[in-house]
C-alpha atoms as a PDB file:
ATOM      1  CA  UNK A   1     -23.307 -52.530  28.572  1.00  0.00           C
ATOM      2  CA  UNK A   2     -23.098 -54.538  25.507  1.00  0.00           C
ATOM      3  CA  UNK A   3     -20.654 -54.672  22.800  1.00  0.00           C
ATOM      4  CA  UNK A   4     -22.087 -54.582  19.331  1.00  0.00           C
ATOM      5  CA  UNK A   5     -20.186 -56.368  16.752  1.00  0.00           C
ATOM      6  CA  UNK A   6     -18.955 -54.512  13.629  1.00  0.00           C
ATOM      7  CA  UNK A   7     -21.057 -54.878  10.575  1.00  0.00           C
ATOM      8  CA  UNK A   8     -19.820 -56.184   7.139  1.00  0.00           C
ATOM      9  CA  UNK A   9     -19.875 -52.541   5.796  1.00  0.00           C
ATOM     10  CA  UNK A  10     -17.773 -51.457   8.625  1.00  0.00           C
ATOM     11  CA  UNK A  11     -15.230 -54.017   7.983  1.00  0.00           C
ATOM     12  CA  UNK A  12     -15.165 -53.580   4.310  1.00  0.00           C
ATOM     13  CA  UNK A  13     -14.630 -49.798   4.732  1.00  0.00           C
ATOM     14  CA  UNK A  14     -11.706 -50.652   7.173  1.00  0.00           C
ATOM     15  CA  UNK A  15     -10.242 -53.091   4.807  1.00  0.00           C
ATOM     16  CA  UNK A  16     -10.549 -50.616   1.851  1.00  0.00           C
ATOM     17  CA  UNK A  17      -8.766 -47.848   4.163  1.00  0.00           C
ATOM     18  CA  UNK A  18      -6.032 -50.214   4.909  1.00  0.00           C
ATOM     19  CA  UNK A  19      -5.354 -51.221   1.330  1.00  0.00           C
ATOM     20  CA  UNK A  20      -5.463 -47.405   0.258  1.00  0.00           C
ATOM     21  CA  UNK A  21      -2.952 -46.688   2.993  1.00  0.00           C
ATOM     22  CA  UNK A  22      -0.517 -49.677   1.833  1.00  0.00           C
ATOM     23  CA  UNK A  23      -0.787 -48.581  -1.620  1.00  0.00           C
ATOM     24  CA  UNK A  24      -0.006 -44.956  -0.706  1.00  0.00           C
ATOM     25  CA  UNK A  25       2.919 -46.046   1.461  1.00  0.00           C
ATOM     26  CA  UNK A  26       4.286 -48.081  -1.262  1.00  0.00           C
ATOM     27  CA  UNK A  27       4.041 -45.059  -3.577  1.00  0.00           C
ATOM     28  CA  UNK A  28       5.871 -42.902  -1.007  1.00  0.00           C
ATOM     29  CA  UNK A  29       8.617 -45.399  -0.583  1.00  0.00           C
ATOM     30  CA  UNK A  30       9.280 -45.320  -4.213  1.00  0.00           C
ATOM     31  CA  UNK A  31       9.595 -41.648  -4.249  1.00  0.00           C
ATOM     32  CA  UNK A  32      11.884 -41.666  -1.305  1.00  0.00           C
ATOM     33  CA  UNK A  33      14.016 -44.171  -3.110  1.00  0.00           C
ATOM     34  CA  UNK A  34      14.143 -41.776  -6.227  1.00  0.00           C
ATOM     35  CA  UNK A  35      15.066 -38.826  -4.135  1.00  0.00           C
ATOM     36  CA  UNK A  36      17.834 -40.778  -2.368  1.00  0.00           C
ATOM     37  CA  UNK A  37      19.332 -41.622  -5.873  1.00  0.00           C
ATOM     38  CA  UNK A  38      19.004 -38.165  -7.065  1.00  0.00           C
ATOM     39  CA  UNK A  39      20.704 -36.653  -3.707  1.00  0.00           C
ATOM     40  CA  UNK A  40      23.471 -39.261  -4.151  1.00  0.00           C
ATOM     41  CA  UNK A  41      23.887 -38.069  -7.933  1.00  0.00           C
ATOM     42  CA  UNK A  42      23.927 -34.385  -6.846  1.00  0.00           C
ATOM     43  CA  UNK A  43      26.550 -34.953  -4.024  1.00  0.00           C
ATOM     44  CA  UNK A  44      28.724 -36.807  -6.463  1.00  0.00           C
ATOM     45  CA  UNK A  45      28.434 -33.782  -8.743  1.00  0.00           C
ATOM     46  CA  UNK A  46      29.075 -31.314  -5.978  1.00  0.00           C
ATOM     47  CA  UNK A  47      32.138 -33.365  -5.210  1.00  0.00           C
ATOM     48  CA  UNK A  48      33.346 -33.215  -8.653  1.00  0.00           C
ATOM     49  CA  UNK A  49      32.817 -29.441  -8.924  1.00  0.00           C
ATOM     50  CA  UNK A  50      34.529 -28.732  -5.697  1.00  0.00           C
ATOM     51  CA  UNK A  51      37.496 -30.590  -7.300  1.00  0.00           C
ATOM     52  CA  UNK A  52      37.492 -28.693 -10.213  1.00  0.00           C
ATOM     53  CA  UNK A  53      37.451 -25.515  -8.553  1.00  0.00           C
ATOM     54  CA  UNK A  54      40.232 -26.449  -6.164  1.00  0.00           C
ATOM     55  CA  UNK A  55      42.168 -27.266  -9.278  1.00  0.00           C
ATOM     56  CA  UNK A  56      41.255 -24.029 -10.979  1.00  0.00           C
ATOM     57  CA  UNK A  57      42.212 -22.242  -7.540  1.00  0.00           C
ATOM     58  CA  UNK A  58      45.719 -23.935  -7.579  1.00  0.00           C
ATOM     59  CA  UNK A  59      46.266 -22.748 -11.138  1.00  0.00           C
ATOM     60  CA  UNK A  60      45.391 -19.324 -10.257  1.00  0.00           C
ATOM     61  CA  UNK A  61      47.681 -19.177  -7.425  1.00  0.00           C
ATOM     62  CA  UNK A  62      50.394 -20.789  -9.249  1.00  0.00           C
ATOM     63  CA  UNK A  63      49.946 -18.725 -12.573  1.00  0.00           C
ATOM     64  CA  UNK A  64      53.089 -16.619 -12.068  1.00  0.00           C
ATOM     65  CA  UNK A  65      55.351 -19.882 -11.571  1.00  0.00           C
ATOM     66  CA  UNK A  66      57.982 -19.922 -14.420  1.00  0.00           C
ATOM     67  CA  UNK A  67      57.881 -23.726 -14.526  1.00  0.00           C
ATOM     68  CA  UNK A  68      54.206 -23.826 -14.738  1.00  0.00           C
ATOM     69  CA  UNK A  69      54.210 -21.052 -17.478  1.00  0.00           C
ATOM     70  CA  UNK A  70      56.866 -23.171 -19.451  1.00  0.00           C
ATOM     71  CA  UNK A  71      54.870 -26.327 -19.237  1.00  0.00           C
ATOM     72  CA  UNK A  72      51.978 -24.691 -20.408  1.00  0.00           C
ATOM     73  CA  UNK A  73      53.768 -23.087 -23.510  1.00  0.00           C
ATOM     74  CA  UNK A  74      55.283 -26.398 -24.333  1.00  0.00           C
ATOM     75  CA  UNK A  75      52.443 -28.741 -23.673  1.00  0.00           C
ATOM     76  CA  UNK A  76      49.272 -26.675 -24.929  1.00  0.00           C
ATOM     77  CA  UNK A  77      50.749 -24.063 -27.055  1.00  0.00           C
ATOM     78  CA  UNK A  78      53.586 -26.184 -28.817  1.00  0.00           C
ATOM     79  CA  UNK A  79      56.429 -23.484 -28.037  1.00  0.00           C
ATOM     80  CA  UNK A  80      60.086 -24.086 -27.405  1.00  0.00           C
ATOM     81  CA  UNK A  81      62.558 -22.336 -25.472  1.00  0.00           C
ATOM     82  CA  UNK A  82      65.396 -20.469 -27.372  1.00  0.00           C
ATOM     83  CA  UNK A  83      67.946 -22.891 -28.423  1.00  0.00           C
ATOM     84  CA  UNK A  84      65.920 -26.014 -28.153  1.00  0.00           C
ATOM     85  CA  UNK A  85      65.481 -28.184 -31.192  1.00  0.00           C
ATOM     86  CA  UNK A  86      61.933 -29.983 -31.976  1.00  0.00           C
ATOM     87  CA  UNK A  87      62.158 -33.618 -33.320  1.00  0.00           C
ATOM     88  CA  UNK A  88      58.997 -34.949 -34.931  1.00  0.00           C
ATOM     89  CA  UNK A  89      58.871 -38.595 -35.538  1.00  0.00           C
ATOM     90  CA  UNK A  90      56.433 -39.742 -38.506  1.00  0.00           C
ATOM     91  CA  UNK A  91      55.619 -43.017 -39.687  1.00  0.00           C
END
């Protein structure tokens, strides 16, 4: 049994296939990298939203707390308790 050497055309076809495979792998590697960046960004957004949800849940759970209501009335609404005096400093 004799082994026949590959011809020039066969070698050229194999070389073209190898180059095409390498280019395809590089393209896929770029897509994977982009997908990983997007995944990390989405995980960061999920963590932020989870923290916001926890804060809102805490605010709802403690909405009947008189100290919290007074803090909101003073801080956000600018109200004062009876008998308190407001001092405003101007330049």
